[in-house]
Amino acid sequence: MTILDHRAPAPTPGAARSRSWLLFRAITTCVAVLILGQAALAGGFLSGHYDALAAHGLNGGLLALALLVQCITAVVWWRASRGPSWPVRTSLIQLLIAGALIPLGEQRVLTVHVPLAVGLTVGVALLLVKSWGAAPTRPRRTATGTPTRGTPDLTTEEAA
């Protein structure tokens, strides 16, 4: 920025990237808590607490809503950082599975509902672990056009 340039400095792209990734981490944590609640409520129902079935249905609706928010935050992070698309794909698959689980549970098709729910739980746990790892980056290209892996995008101030 020169003395004659009176424009405000542009926000660093890393700030938007980190905020959106933290938001994605937060919602994946909420989804994990809700899905653990689903398992506990299903276990309560199977133990003879029949009121847990209504709570299981309500929590399932909240879980589907949280998975929708997870999809949205994954898209926001992906677009803000121009990073890999696997969080978007994974979140969309989980949302579709949750959408299939709701009518299967209401119609008591438990031979499909239970294994699918277990698979969703495992997938949510894996996404949670992966989201709490280092924020993924897309490989950058050098001046020669060859990709470099694991190199974070540096702003001009960080590179100096």
Protein backbone atom coordinates (compact mmCIF):
# COMPACT_ATOMS: atom_id res chain seq x y z
CA MET A 1 0.00 0.00 0.00
CA THR A 2 1.51 3.33 -1.03
CA ILE A 3 1.09 6.69 0.64
CA LEU A 4 -1.18 7.85 -2.17
CA ASP A 5 -3.43 4.79 -1.90
CA HIS A 6 -6.25 5.68 0.52
CA ARG A 7 -8.14 2.41 0.25
CA ALA A 8 -8.48 0.23 3.32
CA PRO A 9 -6.43 -2.95 3.19
CA ALA A 10 -8.36 -6.01 2.05
CA PRO A 11 -9.13 -8.61 4.72
CA THR A 12 -6.80 -11.56 4.65
CA PRO A 13 -8.23 -14.66 3.00
CA GLY A 14 -6.96 -16.76 5.90
CA ALA A 15 -9.38 -15.04 8.30
CA ALA A 16 -12.46 -16.06 6.30
CA ARG A 17 -11.01 -19.53 5.88
CA SER A 18 -10.37 -20.07 9.55
CA ARG A 19 -13.76 -18.69 10.68
CA SER A 20 -15.66 -20.89 8.26
CA TRP A 21 -13.59 -23.95 9.23
CA LEU A 22 -14.23 -23.26 12.93
CA LEU A 23 -17.95 -22.98 12.18
CA PHE A 24 -17.81 -26.32 10.35
CA ARG A 25 -16.04 -27.86 13.36
CA ALA A 26 -18.69 -26.50 15.71
CA ILE A 27 -21.61 -27.89 13.72
CA THR A 28 -19.96 -31.29 13.26
CA THR A 29 -19.57 -31.40 17.04
CA CYS A 30 -23.27 -30.57 17.49
CA VAL A 31 -24.19 -33.29 14.98
CA ALA A 32 -22.05 -35.80 16.89
CA VAL A 33 -23.76 -34.91 20.19
CA LEU A 34 -27.19 -35.27 18.59
CA ILE A 35 -26.35 -38.63 17.05
CA LEU A 36 -25.06 -39.93 20.38
CA GLY A 37 -28.37 -38.80 21.85
CA GLN A 38 -30.15 -40.79 19.15
CA ALA A 39 -28.29 -43.94 20.16
CA ALA A 40 -29.03 -43.34 23.85
CA LEU A 41 -32.73 -42.74 23.17
CA ALA A 42 -32.97 -45.87 21.00
CA GLY A 43 -31.32 -47.84 23.79
CA GLY A 44 -33.74 -46.37 26.30
CA PHE A 45 -36.68 -47.44 24.17
CA LEU A 46 -35.28 -50.96 23.82
CA SER A 47 -34.83 -51.07 27.62
CA GLY A 48 -38.53 -50.51 28.12
CA HIS A 49 -38.73 -46.72 28.43
CA TYR A 50 -41.37 -46.29 25.74
CA ASP A 51 -41.49 -42.49 26.06
CA ALA A 52 -37.95 -42.46 24.64
CA LEU A 53 -39.36 -43.34 21.21
CA ALA A 54 -41.09 -39.95 20.88
CA ALA A 55 -37.91 -38.21 22.02
CA HIS A 56 -35.93 -40.30 19.50
CA GLY A 57 -38.21 -39.06 16.71
CA LEU A 58 -37.90 -35.43 17.82
CA ASN A 59 -34.13 -35.70 18.14
CA GLY A 60 -34.01 -37.29 14.68
CA GLY A 61 -35.69 -34.22 13.22
CA LEU A 62 -33.19 -31.97 15.00
CA LEU A 63 -30.37 -34.15 13.72
CA ALA A 64 -31.59 -33.81 10.13
CA LEU A 65 -31.78 -30.03 10.58
CA ALA A 66 -28.26 -29.97 12.02
CA LEU A 67 -27.01 -32.04 9.08
CA LEU A 68 -28.56 -29.49 6.71
CA VAL A 69 -26.70 -26.71 8.54
CA GLN A 70 -23.54 -28.85 8.35
CA CYS A 71 -23.97 -29.04 4.55
CA ILE A 72 -24.36 -25.28 4.34
CA THR A 73 -21.30 -24.60 6.49
CA ALA A 74 -19.28 -27.11 4.44
CA VAL A 75 -20.21 -25.23 1.26
CA VAL A 76 -19.36 -21.89 2.88
CA TRP A 77 -15.96 -23.19 3.98
CA TRP A 78 -15.29 -24.78 0.58
CA ARG A 79 -16.17 -21.58 -1.29
CA ALA A 80 -14.30 -19.28 1.12
CA SER A 81 -11.10 -21.29 1.07
CA ARG A 82 -11.24 -22.87 -2.39
CA GLY A 83 -10.33 -26.04 -0.54
CA PRO A 84 -11.20 -29.66 -1.25
CA SER A 85 -14.82 -30.63 -1.70
CA TRP A 86 -14.85 -33.77 0.48
CA PRO A 87 -16.55 -32.02 3.45
CA VAL A 88 -19.41 -30.99 1.14
CA ARG A 89 -19.78 -34.45 -0.37
CA THR A 90 -19.59 -36.18 3.01
CA SER A 91 -22.11 -33.81 4.59
CA LEU A 92 -24.51 -34.23 1.68
CA ILE A 93 -24.32 -38.03 1.90
CA GLN A 94 -25.00 -37.86 5.64
CA LEU A 95 -27.99 -35.57 5.07
CA LEU A 96 -29.42 -37.95 2.47
CA ILE A 97 -28.99 -40.92 4.81
CA ALA A 98 -30.72 -39.04 7.63
CA GLY A 99 -33.53 -38.16 5.24
CA ALA A 100 -33.95 -41.84 4.42
CA LEU A 101 -33.82 -42.88 8.08
CA ILE A 102 -36.83 -40.77 9.10
CA PRO A 103 -39.49 -42.53 7.00
CA LEU A 104 -37.85 -45.91 7.62
CA GLY A 105 -38.10 -45.35 11.37
CA GLU A 106 -41.68 -44.08 11.20
CA GLN A 107 -42.72 -47.14 9.18
CA ARG A 108 -40.79 -49.39 11.63
CA VAL A 109 -38.58 -50.89 8.92
CA LEU A 110 -35.93 -51.61 11.56
CA THR A 111 -34.00 -54.16 9.51
CA VAL A 112 -32.86 -51.26 7.31
CA HIS A 113 -33.19 -48.38 9.80
CA VAL A 114 -30.82 -49.76 12.46
CA PRO A 115 -27.84 -50.72 10.23
CA LEU A 116 -28.18 -47.49 8.27
CA ALA A 117 -28.24 -45.52 11.53
CA VAL A 118 -25.13 -47.32 12.77
CA GLY A 119 -23.38 -46.49 9.50
CA LEU A 120 -24.41 -42.85 9.82
CA THR A 121 -23.07 -42.78 13.38
CA VAL A 122 -19.71 -44.15 12.25
CA GLY A 123 -19.59 -41.63 9.39
CA VAL A 124 -20.40 -38.73 11.71
CA ALA A 125 -17.68 -39.87 14.13
CA LEU A 126 -15.12 -40.09 11.32
CA LEU A 127 -16.07 -36.64 10.01
CA LEU A 128 -15.81 -35.22 13.52
CA VAL A 129 -12.30 -36.62 13.97
CA LYS A 130 -11.24 -35.40 10.53
CA SER A 131 -12.72 -31.93 11.08
CA TRP A 132 -10.82 -31.50 14.34
CA GLY A 133 -7.56 -32.31 12.57
CA ALA A 134 -5.68 -29.69 10.62
CA ALA A 135 -7.77 -27.65 8.21
CA PRO A 136 -7.33 -29.25 4.78
CA THR A 137 -5.81 -27.21 2.00
CA ARG A 138 -5.91 -27.60 -1.73
CA PRO A 139 -2.46 -28.16 -3.26
CA ARG A 140 -0.97 -24.88 -4.47
CA ARG A 141 0.79 -24.61 -7.79
CA THR A 142 4.27 -23.18 -8.01
CA ALA A 143 5.43 -20.82 -10.73
CA THR A 144 6.34 -23.86 -12.84
CA GLY A 145 2.83 -25.28 -12.45
CA THR A 146 3.74 -28.25 -10.24
CA PRO A 147 1.52 -28.82 -7.20
CA THR A 148 2.91 -28.49 -3.69
CA ARG A 149 1.18 -30.35 -0.86
CA GLY A 150 0.61 -29.09 2.67
CA THR A 151 1.84 -25.58 1.99
CA PRO A 152 -0.53 -23.07 3.56
CA ASP A 153 -1.53 -20.03 1.56
CA LEU A 154 0.52 -17.09 2.84
CA THR A 155 -0.50 -13.49 2.65
CA THR A 156 2.08 -10.92 1.55
CA GLU A 157 2.65 -9.85 5.14
CA GLU A 158 3.19 -13.45 6.32
CA ALA A 159 5.56 -14.23 3.46
CA ALA A 160 7.77 -11.20 4.26
